[in-house]
């Protein structure tokens, strides 16, 4: 069974949907996150963007 809070939220969204700008903002943030994830999985990110460069590149940490 779906929680009551979700039903209330869906009801509110049906009565007053978000603006077009907000929808575009949310989808663009999701697209940026997915692109960064894909680049990280492909190994195409520079070392300065990684949390632990030695771990991700298969190198030994000093």
N, C-alpha and C. Protein backbone atom coordinates (compact mmCIF):
# COMPACT_ATOMS: atom_id res chain seq x y z
N UNK A 1 0.83 -1.18 0.00
CA UNK A 1 0.00 0.00 0.00
C UNK A 1 0.88 1.25 0.00
N UNK A 2 0.45 2.24 -0.73
CA UNK A 2 1.22 3.48 -0.86
C UNK A 2 1.05 4.35 0.39
N UNK A 3 2.15 4.93 0.90
CA UNK A 3 2.04 5.80 2.07
C UNK A 3 1.13 7.00 1.80
N UNK A 4 0.44 7.43 2.83
CA UNK A 4 -0.51 8.54 2.72
C UNK A 4 0.18 9.82 2.28
N UNK A 5 1.40 10.02 2.75
CA UNK A 5 2.13 11.24 2.40
C UNK A 5 2.33 11.35 0.88
N UNK A 6 2.65 10.22 0.24
CA UNK A 6 2.85 10.24 -1.21
C UNK A 6 1.55 10.57 -1.93
N UNK A 7 0.44 10.02 -1.43
CA UNK A 7 -0.85 10.31 -2.05
C UNK A 7 -1.18 11.80 -1.94
N UNK A 8 -0.88 12.40 -0.79
CA UNK A 8 -1.13 13.84 -0.62
C UNK A 8 -0.23 14.66 -1.55
N UNK A 9 1.01 14.24 -1.69
CA UNK A 9 1.93 14.94 -2.58
C UNK A 9 1.47 14.85 -4.03
N UNK A 10 1.05 13.67 -4.46
CA UNK A 10 0.56 13.50 -5.83
C UNK A 10 -0.71 14.32 -6.06
N UNK A 11 -1.56 14.40 -5.05
CA UNK A 11 -2.77 15.21 -5.16
C UNK A 11 -2.43 16.69 -5.33
N UNK A 12 -1.44 17.15 -4.55
CA UNK A 12 -1.02 18.55 -4.64
C UNK A 12 -0.42 18.84 -6.01
N UNK A 13 0.41 17.90 -6.52
CA UNK A 13 1.01 18.10 -7.85
C UNK A 13 -0.05 18.10 -8.94
N UNK A 14 -1.10 17.29 -8.80
CA UNK A 14 -2.16 17.25 -9.81
C UNK A 14 -2.94 18.56 -9.82
N UNK A 15 -3.14 19.15 -8.65
CA UNK A 15 -3.88 20.40 -8.57
C UNK A 15 -3.04 21.60 -9.00
N UNK A 16 -1.76 21.57 -8.64
CA UNK A 16 -0.85 22.68 -8.97
C UNK A 16 0.46 22.12 -9.49
N UNK A 17 0.55 21.79 -10.76
CA UNK A 17 1.79 21.19 -11.28
C UNK A 17 2.95 22.19 -11.25
N UNK A 18 4.18 21.67 -11.19
CA UNK A 18 5.34 22.56 -11.17
C UNK A 18 5.46 23.32 -12.50
N UNK A 19 6.15 24.44 -12.44
CA UNK A 19 6.32 25.26 -13.64
C UNK A 19 7.24 24.56 -14.64
N UNK A 20 7.17 25.00 -15.86
CA UNK A 20 8.01 24.42 -16.91
C UNK A 20 9.48 24.63 -16.60
N UNK A 21 9.82 25.79 -16.07
CA UNK A 21 11.22 26.07 -15.73
C UNK A 21 11.73 25.12 -14.66
N UNK A 22 10.91 24.79 -13.68
CA UNK A 22 11.33 23.88 -12.62
C UNK A 22 11.53 22.47 -13.17
N UNK A 23 10.64 22.04 -14.07
CA UNK A 23 10.78 20.70 -14.68
C UNK A 23 12.05 20.63 -15.50
N UNK A 24 12.34 21.67 -16.27
CA UNK A 24 13.57 21.71 -17.07
C UNK A 24 14.79 21.70 -16.16
N UNK A 25 14.74 22.44 -15.06
CA UNK A 25 15.86 22.47 -14.11
C UNK A 25 16.12 21.09 -13.53
N UNK A 26 15.08 20.41 -13.10
CA UNK A 26 15.25 19.09 -12.48
C UNK A 26 15.80 18.09 -13.50
N UNK A 27 15.24 18.07 -14.69
CA UNK A 27 15.73 17.13 -15.70
C UNK A 27 17.15 17.45 -16.16
N UNK A 28 17.53 18.72 -16.20
CA UNK A 28 18.90 19.06 -16.58
C UNK A 28 19.88 18.64 -15.49
N UNK A 29 19.51 18.76 -14.22
CA UNK A 29 20.39 18.30 -13.14
C UNK A 29 20.55 16.78 -13.19
N UNK A 30 19.46 16.08 -13.45
CA UNK A 30 19.53 14.62 -13.58
C UNK A 30 20.42 14.23 -14.76
N UNK A 31 20.31 14.94 -15.89
CA UNK A 31 21.13 14.64 -17.07
C UNK A 31 22.61 14.89 -16.79
N UNK A 32 22.93 15.97 -16.07
CA UNK A 32 24.33 16.27 -15.73
C UNK A 32 24.89 15.17 -14.84
N UNK A 33 24.10 14.73 -13.85
CA UNK A 33 24.56 13.67 -12.96
C UNK A 33 24.80 12.37 -13.72
N UNK A 34 23.89 12.02 -14.62
CA UNK A 34 24.06 10.80 -15.41
C UNK A 34 25.28 10.90 -16.34
N UNK A 35 25.52 12.09 -16.89
CA UNK A 35 26.69 12.26 -17.76
C UNK A 35 27.98 12.11 -16.96
N UNK A 36 28.03 12.70 -15.77
CA UNK A 36 29.22 12.56 -14.93
C UNK A 36 29.44 11.12 -14.51
N UNK A 37 28.37 10.42 -14.19
CA UNK A 37 28.48 9.00 -13.83
C UNK A 37 29.03 8.19 -15.02
N UNK A 38 28.51 8.46 -16.20
CA UNK A 38 28.99 7.75 -17.38
C UNK A 38 30.45 8.03 -17.68
N UNK A 39 30.86 9.29 -17.53
CA UNK A 39 32.26 9.63 -17.75
C UNK A 39 33.16 8.96 -16.71
N UNK A 40 32.70 8.89 -15.47
CA UNK A 40 33.50 8.25 -14.44
C UNK A 40 33.64 6.76 -14.71
N UNK A 41 32.54 6.11 -15.10
CA UNK A 41 32.60 4.68 -15.40
C UNK A 41 33.49 4.39 -16.61
N UNK A 42 33.55 5.33 -17.56
CA UNK A 42 34.38 5.14 -18.75
C UNK A 42 35.85 5.48 -18.47
N UNK A 43 36.12 6.08 -17.32
CA UNK A 43 37.50 6.45 -16.99
C UNK A 43 37.94 7.72 -17.69
N UNK A 44 37.00 8.56 -18.09
CA UNK A 44 37.33 9.76 -18.85
C UNK A 44 37.42 11.02 -17.99
N UNK A 45 37.26 10.89 -16.68
CA UNK A 45 37.35 12.07 -15.82
C UNK A 45 38.81 12.33 -15.45
N UNK A 46 39.19 13.60 -15.34
CA UNK A 46 40.55 13.90 -14.88
C UNK A 46 40.70 13.55 -13.40
N UNK A 47 41.93 13.37 -12.96
CA UNK A 47 42.20 12.95 -11.59
C UNK A 47 41.68 13.94 -10.55
N UNK A 48 41.68 15.23 -10.87
CA UNK A 48 41.25 16.21 -9.88
C UNK A 48 39.75 16.12 -9.58
N UNK A 49 39.00 15.44 -10.42
CA UNK A 49 37.57 15.29 -10.19
C UNK A 49 37.22 14.03 -9.40
N UNK A 50 38.19 13.17 -9.12
CA UNK A 50 37.93 11.93 -8.43
C UNK A 50 38.18 12.08 -6.94
N UNK A 51 37.45 11.32 -6.14
CA UNK A 51 37.62 11.37 -4.69
C UNK A 51 38.97 10.79 -4.29
N UNK A 52 39.35 9.66 -4.86
CA UNK A 52 40.61 9.00 -4.56
C UNK A 52 41.22 8.55 -5.88
N UNK A 53 42.03 9.41 -6.52
CA UNK A 53 42.55 9.09 -7.85
C UNK A 53 43.30 7.77 -7.93
N UNK A 54 44.10 7.43 -6.89
CA UNK A 54 44.88 6.20 -6.94
C UNK A 54 43.97 4.98 -6.95
N UNK A 55 42.90 5.03 -6.20
CA UNK A 55 41.97 3.90 -6.13
C UNK A 55 41.26 3.70 -7.46
N UNK A 56 40.84 4.77 -8.09
CA UNK A 56 40.06 4.66 -9.32
C UNK A 56 40.92 4.32 -10.53
N UNK A 57 42.16 4.69 -10.52
CA UNK A 57 43.02 4.42 -11.68
C UNK A 57 43.79 3.11 -11.55
N UNK A 58 43.61 2.39 -10.44
CA UNK A 58 44.30 1.13 -10.27
C UNK A 58 45.76 1.32 -9.87
N UNK A 59 46.12 2.49 -9.37
CA UNK A 59 47.48 2.74 -8.93
C UNK A 59 47.59 2.57 -7.44
N UNK A 60 48.80 2.39 -6.96
CA UNK A 60 49.03 2.29 -5.52
C UNK A 60 49.19 3.66 -4.92
N UNK A 61 48.58 3.89 -3.79
CA UNK A 61 48.72 5.17 -3.09
C UNK A 61 50.05 5.20 -2.36
N UNK A 62 50.71 6.35 -2.34
CA UNK A 62 52.00 6.49 -1.66
C UNK A 62 51.84 6.62 -0.18
